Protein backbone atom coordinates (compact mmCIF):
# COMPACT_ATOMS: atom_id res chain seq x y z
CA MET A 1 -48.90 -24.34 2.77
CA LYS A 2 -45.61 -26.25 2.57
CA LYS A 3 -45.29 -25.37 -1.12
CA ILE A 4 -45.80 -21.66 -0.39
CA LEU A 5 -43.24 -21.75 2.45
CA PHE A 6 -40.69 -23.54 0.21
CA ALA A 7 -41.17 -21.02 -2.58
CA ALA A 8 -40.72 -18.13 -0.15
CA LEU A 9 -37.54 -19.63 1.24
CA PHE A 10 -36.25 -20.21 -2.31
CA LEU A 11 -36.86 -16.58 -3.23
CA VAL A 12 -35.13 -15.35 -0.06
CA ALA A 13 -32.16 -17.65 -0.68
CA GLY A 14 -31.89 -16.47 -4.28
CA PHE A 15 -32.09 -12.83 -3.23
CA THR A 16 -29.43 -13.38 -0.55
CA THR A 17 -27.13 -15.18 -2.99
CA SER A 18 -27.55 -12.39 -5.52
CA CYS A 19 -26.65 -9.78 -2.90
CA VAL A 20 -23.61 -11.74 -1.81
CA LYS A 21 -22.48 -12.10 -5.41
CA ASP A 22 -22.86 -8.35 -6.00
CA ASP A 23 -20.92 -7.58 -2.81
CA LEU A 24 -18.25 -10.11 -3.76
CA TYR A 25 -17.51 -8.30 -7.01
CA ASP A 26 -17.42 -4.81 -5.50
CA GLY A 27 -13.94 -3.35 -5.55
CA PRO A 28 -11.52 -1.28 -7.62
CA ALA A 29 -10.51 -1.93 -11.21
CA SER A 30 -7.35 -3.77 -12.22
CA ILE A 31 -4.57 -1.72 -13.87
CA SER A 32 -1.87 -3.65 -15.72
CA ASN A 33 0.64 -3.47 -18.57
CA LEU A 34 1.61 0.13 -17.78
CA LYS A 35 3.97 1.42 -20.50
CA PHE A 36 5.27 4.64 -21.97
CA SER A 37 6.57 5.62 -25.41
CA PRO A 38 9.08 6.58 -26.68
CA GLU A 39 11.33 4.48 -24.49
CA ALA A 40 14.21 6.96 -24.65
CA VAL A 41 12.80 10.41 -23.95
CA THR A 42 14.52 13.53 -25.28
CA PRO A 43 13.51 17.17 -24.64
CA LYS A 44 11.57 17.10 -27.94
CA ASP A 45 9.35 14.18 -27.01
CA ALA A 46 5.81 14.16 -25.70
CA VAL A 47 5.32 10.83 -23.92
CA THR A 48 2.31 8.57 -24.46
CA VAL A 49 1.39 6.51 -21.40
CA SER A 50 -0.88 3.50 -21.79
CA ALA A 51 -2.29 0.77 -19.56
CA THR A 52 -4.92 -1.94 -19.58
CA VAL A 53 -7.80 -1.14 -17.20
CA THR A 54 -10.34 -3.87 -16.54
CA ASP A 55 -13.32 -4.14 -14.22
CA LEU A 56 -16.41 -6.35 -13.93
CA ARG A 57 -18.25 -3.07 -13.65
CA SER A 58 -17.93 -0.08 -15.97
CA VAL A 59 -14.86 2.13 -15.71
CA THR A 60 -16.12 5.70 -15.55
CA SER A 61 -12.77 7.52 -15.75
CA ALA A 62 -9.03 7.02 -15.97
CA VAL A 63 -6.64 9.85 -15.16
CA LEU A 64 -2.92 10.08 -15.78
CA LYS A 65 -1.28 11.96 -12.91
CA TYR A 66 2.32 13.16 -13.17
CA SER A 67 4.83 15.49 -11.57
CA VAL A 68 8.04 16.94 -12.95
CA SER A 69 11.17 16.90 -10.78
CA GLY A 70 9.16 16.83 -7.57
CA GLY A 71 6.80 19.64 -8.59
CA ALA A 72 3.05 19.89 -8.22
CA ALA A 73 0.93 17.02 -9.50
CA GLN A 74 -0.77 17.50 -12.87
CA SER A 75 -3.60 15.50 -14.42
CA VAL A 76 -4.48 14.33 -17.93
CA ASN A 77 -7.78 12.63 -18.73
CA MET A 78 -7.08 9.38 -20.56
CA THR A 79 -8.96 8.10 -23.60
CA ALA A 80 -10.12 4.50 -24.03
CA GLY A 81 -9.64 2.10 -26.89
CA GLY A 82 -11.42 -0.97 -25.58
CA SER A 83 -9.74 -1.77 -22.26
CA VAL A 84 -6.55 0.13 -23.14
CA TYR A 85 -6.39 3.71 -21.88
CA SER A 86 -3.84 6.28 -23.00
CA GLY A 87 -2.78 9.83 -22.17
CA VAL A 88 0.04 12.15 -23.14
CA ILE A 89 2.60 13.92 -20.96
CA PRO A 90 3.93 17.05 -22.71
CA ALA A 91 7.62 17.39 -23.63
CA GLN A 92 9.84 18.35 -20.69
CA PRO A 93 13.31 19.96 -20.44
CA ASP A 94 16.58 18.04 -20.40
CA LYS A 95 17.31 16.18 -17.13
CA ALA A 96 13.72 16.53 -15.91
CA VAL A 97 12.55 13.53 -13.87
CA VAL A 98 8.90 12.72 -14.59
CA THR A 99 7.02 10.49 -12.14
CA PHE A 100 3.54 9.27 -13.01
CA HIS A 101 0.75 6.84 -12.19
CA ILE A 102 -2.80 6.10 -13.31
CA GLU A 103 -5.98 6.33 -11.26
CA ALA A 104 -9.16 4.64 -12.50
CA VAL A 105 -12.66 4.99 -11.03
CA ASN A 106 -15.49 2.50 -11.64
CA GLU A 107 -19.26 3.04 -11.50
CA LYS A 108 -19.38 2.08 -7.81
CA GLY A 109 -16.95 4.87 -6.98
CA TYR A 110 -13.95 2.64 -6.20
CA THR A 111 -10.58 4.12 -7.18
CA ALA A 112 -7.67 1.98 -8.36
CA LYS A 113 -4.14 3.38 -8.42
CA SER A 114 -1.21 1.91 -10.34
CA ALA A 115 2.34 1.79 -9.06
CA ASP A 116 4.47 4.85 -9.83
CA LYS A 117 6.76 4.79 -12.84
CA SER A 118 9.29 7.40 -13.88
CA TYR A 119 11.61 8.44 -16.65
CA THR A 120 14.41 10.96 -17.00
CA VAL A 121 14.58 13.25 -19.99
CA ALA A 122 18.01 13.01 -21.61
CA ALA A 123 19.65 13.91 -24.87
CA VAL A 124 21.57 10.60 -24.73
CA VAL A 125 19.57 7.48 -25.63
CA VAL A 126 20.18 4.42 -23.41
CA ASP A 127 20.96 1.21 -25.30
CA TYR A 128 19.75 -1.84 -23.33
CA SER A 129 20.63 -4.40 -26.00
CA GLY A 130 23.73 -5.56 -24.12
CA LEU A 131 21.79 -6.43 -20.96
CA ILE A 132 20.83 -10.10 -20.57
CA LEU A 133 19.57 -12.67 -18.11
CA ASN A 134 22.74 -14.73 -17.60
CA GLU A 135 22.06 -17.32 -14.89
CA LEU A 136 18.97 -18.50 -13.00
CA ASN A 137 19.21 -20.81 -9.99
CA GLY A 138 16.15 -22.31 -8.31
CA ASN A 139 18.23 -24.11 -5.69
CA SER A 140 20.20 -21.22 -4.18
CA LYS A 141 17.42 -18.87 -5.40
CA PHE A 142 19.36 -16.28 -7.36
CA MET A 143 19.19 -14.49 -10.70
CA GLU A 144 22.14 -12.93 -12.48
CA LEU A 145 22.17 -10.11 -15.01
CA TYR A 146 25.16 -9.42 -17.26
CA ASN A 147 26.28 -6.54 -19.46
CA GLN A 148 27.67 -8.22 -22.56
CA GLY A 149 27.91 -4.91 -24.41
CA SER A 150 30.73 -2.40 -24.74
CA LYS A 151 29.13 0.57 -22.92
CA ASP A 152 27.84 1.30 -19.42
CA ILE A 153 24.11 0.61 -19.02
CA PRO A 154 22.12 2.76 -16.57
CA LEU A 155 19.71 0.35 -14.87
CA GLU A 156 17.40 2.71 -13.00
CA GLY A 157 13.83 1.57 -13.64
CA VAL A 158 14.81 -1.74 -15.28
CA TYR A 159 12.54 -4.43 -13.82
CA ILE A 160 11.80 -8.15 -13.70
CA CYS A 161 8.42 -9.89 -13.85
CA LYS A 162 7.94 -13.53 -12.97
CA ASP A 163 5.43 -15.69 -14.86
CA ASN A 164 3.02 -13.03 -16.15
CA ALA A 165 4.20 -9.72 -17.61
CA ASN A 166 0.98 -8.09 -16.39
CA ASP A 167 1.75 -8.97 -12.77
CA ALA A 168 3.53 -6.52 -10.50
CA PRO A 169 7.33 -6.61 -10.91
CA VAL A 170 9.24 -8.79 -8.45
CA TRP A 171 12.25 -6.46 -8.70
CA VAL A 172 12.84 -2.88 -9.87
CA CYS A 173 16.39 -1.55 -10.09
CA ASP A 174 17.53 1.48 -8.17
CA ASN A 175 19.90 4.15 -9.48
CA ARG A 176 22.92 2.07 -10.49
CA THR A 177 24.94 1.41 -13.63
CA LEU A 178 26.26 -1.90 -14.97
CA ALA A 179 29.65 -1.64 -16.64
CA PRO A 180 30.67 -3.80 -19.63
CA GLY A 181 31.56 -7.32 -18.47
CA GLN A 182 29.98 -6.75 -15.05
CA PHE A 183 27.48 -9.05 -13.31
CA LEU A 184 24.55 -8.06 -11.10
CA LEU A 185 23.46 -10.74 -8.63
CA LEU A 186 19.92 -10.81 -7.23
CA TYR A 187 18.74 -13.10 -4.43
CA SER A 188 15.19 -14.15 -3.55
CA GLU A 189 13.55 -12.89 -0.40
CA ASP A 190 13.13 -16.60 0.43
CA VAL A 191 16.88 -16.83 1.21
CA GLN A 192 17.50 -13.24 2.27
CA ALA A 193 18.40 -14.36 5.81
CA ASP A 194 21.20 -16.51 4.38
CA TYR A 195 22.82 -13.47 2.74
CA PRO A 196 22.58 -10.69 5.35
CA ALA A 197 25.27 -8.61 3.64
CA HIS A 198 23.45 -8.61 0.29
CA PRO A 199 21.90 -5.17 -0.42
CA GLU A 200 18.14 -4.91 0.08
CA ALA A 201 17.94 -3.23 -3.34
CA LEU A 202 19.17 -6.47 -4.93
CA ILE A 203 16.52 -8.74 -3.37
CA PHE A 204 13.69 -9.90 -5.63
CA HIS A 205 10.31 -10.49 -4.03
CA SER A 206 9.43 -13.96 -5.23
CA GLY A 207 10.65 -17.52 -5.14
CA LEU A 208 12.39 -19.36 -7.98
CA SER A 209 11.88 -23.04 -8.78
CA ALA A 210 14.30 -25.65 -10.11
CA LYS A 211 11.53 -28.26 -10.44
CA LYS A 212 8.72 -26.47 -12.27
CA ASN A 213 8.10 -24.43 -15.38
CA VAL A 214 9.29 -20.90 -14.84
CA ARG A 215 9.21 -17.63 -16.74
CA ILE A 216 11.49 -14.70 -15.95
CA GLN A 217 11.08 -11.55 -18.03
CA LEU A 218 13.44 -8.57 -18.06
CA PHE A 219 12.05 -5.18 -19.11
CA ASN A 220 13.46 -1.73 -19.74
CA PRO A 221 11.89 1.20 -17.83
CA ALA A 222 9.45 1.86 -20.66
CA GLY A 223 7.98 -1.64 -20.34
CA SER A 224 9.51 -3.25 -23.44
CA SER A 225 11.02 -6.71 -23.18
CA ILE A 226 14.81 -6.96 -23.04
CA ASP A 227 15.10 -10.69 -22.35
CA ASP A 228 12.77 -13.60 -21.63
CA PHE A 229 13.49 -17.03 -20.12
CA ASN A 230 10.32 -19.04 -20.71
CA LEU A 231 10.51 -22.71 -19.66
CA THR A 232 7.12 -24.11 -20.63
CA ALA A 233 7.79 -27.88 -20.56
CA ILE A 234 10.41 -28.75 -17.97
CA ALA A 235 12.22 -31.99 -18.84
CA LYS A 236 14.26 -32.45 -15.66
CA THR A 237 14.99 -30.84 -12.32
CA ALA A 238 17.89 -28.39 -12.45
CA THR A 239 20.59 -29.73 -10.12
CA ALA A 240 22.44 -26.41 -10.30
CA SER A 241 21.77 -23.45 -12.61
CA TYR A 242 20.12 -22.59 -15.86
CA SER A 243 23.20 -20.96 -17.36
CA ARG A 244 23.75 -19.06 -20.58
CA ASN A 245 26.54 -20.17 -22.87
CA ALA A 246 28.65 -17.68 -24.80
CA ASP A 247 26.52 -18.43 -27.89
CA GLY A 248 23.38 -17.38 -26.03
CA LYS A 249 21.93 -20.89 -25.56
CA TRP A 250 20.67 -21.96 -22.13
CA ALA A 251 22.18 -25.09 -20.54
CA HIS A 252 22.31 -26.91 -17.21
CA ALA A 253 25.65 -26.01 -15.60
CA THR A 254 27.48 -25.59 -12.31
CA ALA A 255 26.42 -22.46 -10.44
CA THR A 256 28.80 -19.51 -10.81
CA PRO A 257 27.06 -16.59 -9.05
CA GLY A 258 28.70 -13.28 -9.90
CA ALA A 259 31.29 -14.91 -12.18
CA ALA A 260 31.65 -16.15 -15.75
CA ASN A 261 29.45 -19.11 -16.62
CA GLN A 262 30.77 -22.59 -17.32
CA GLU A 263 30.12 -23.71 -20.88
CA SER A 264 27.87 -26.78 -21.10
CA THR A 265 26.30 -28.98 -23.77
CA ASP A 266 23.52 -30.12 -21.42
CA TYR A 267 21.02 -27.79 -23.04
CA VAL A 268 17.76 -26.83 -21.34
CA ALA A 269 14.83 -28.55 -23.04
CA GLY A 270 11.33 -27.08 -23.03
CA LEU A 271 12.20 -23.44 -23.63
CA GLN A 272 9.83 -21.41 -25.75
């Protein structure tokens, strides 16, 4: 009798655990690595949008939804190549602003929606090669961008990811332009109260460490890397800033937020 009761309890426990496990994994898919190509869109270009869509269950559909200059939403069914889904937005006229996102549905009927991205159709191609990460400070919690080029750089849609490029951006730039030789200073939300006059648009939503490995990645609006600070084996705590020398090498140096960096030979070890 005891053996029968034990077996019954074991079966019930196993059934309950199985149900809990199934319930635990119920939820929407994950959408990451959202990109579009070409990066500079002219009136001649159809735009291919791609993203990685993953789910412990089967993904039954992925739809690219877009609107042009605030018009009605339009849909394109995306095709899968493994976990990467892609769809094409037709060519649009000059100065059109195209906003888009992806919606994915799994076999349980859960719908996942990516963040919106956008691009502006223009005959002039934006050159981001002059835009760099210039100074990173885990003590005062700021990042600094710099235009080392010779032309204005429109920054709308430029974004920063911390640690993993597939994670949501910690900062996305609004509609502003960085002139040659100009700095753009970003502060962490962790110290936002200390800088009440700093614009909300220039606050990044993450911390920044001076004591641990850290990766800061700068991307253009199309999702291609512009710059990458990847400290994988920290050798010492940064007493001030990780600062870029004129030759492009990173060094430990006195903090100079919003101003030219001090040259230093105390190079940062452990960068990849």
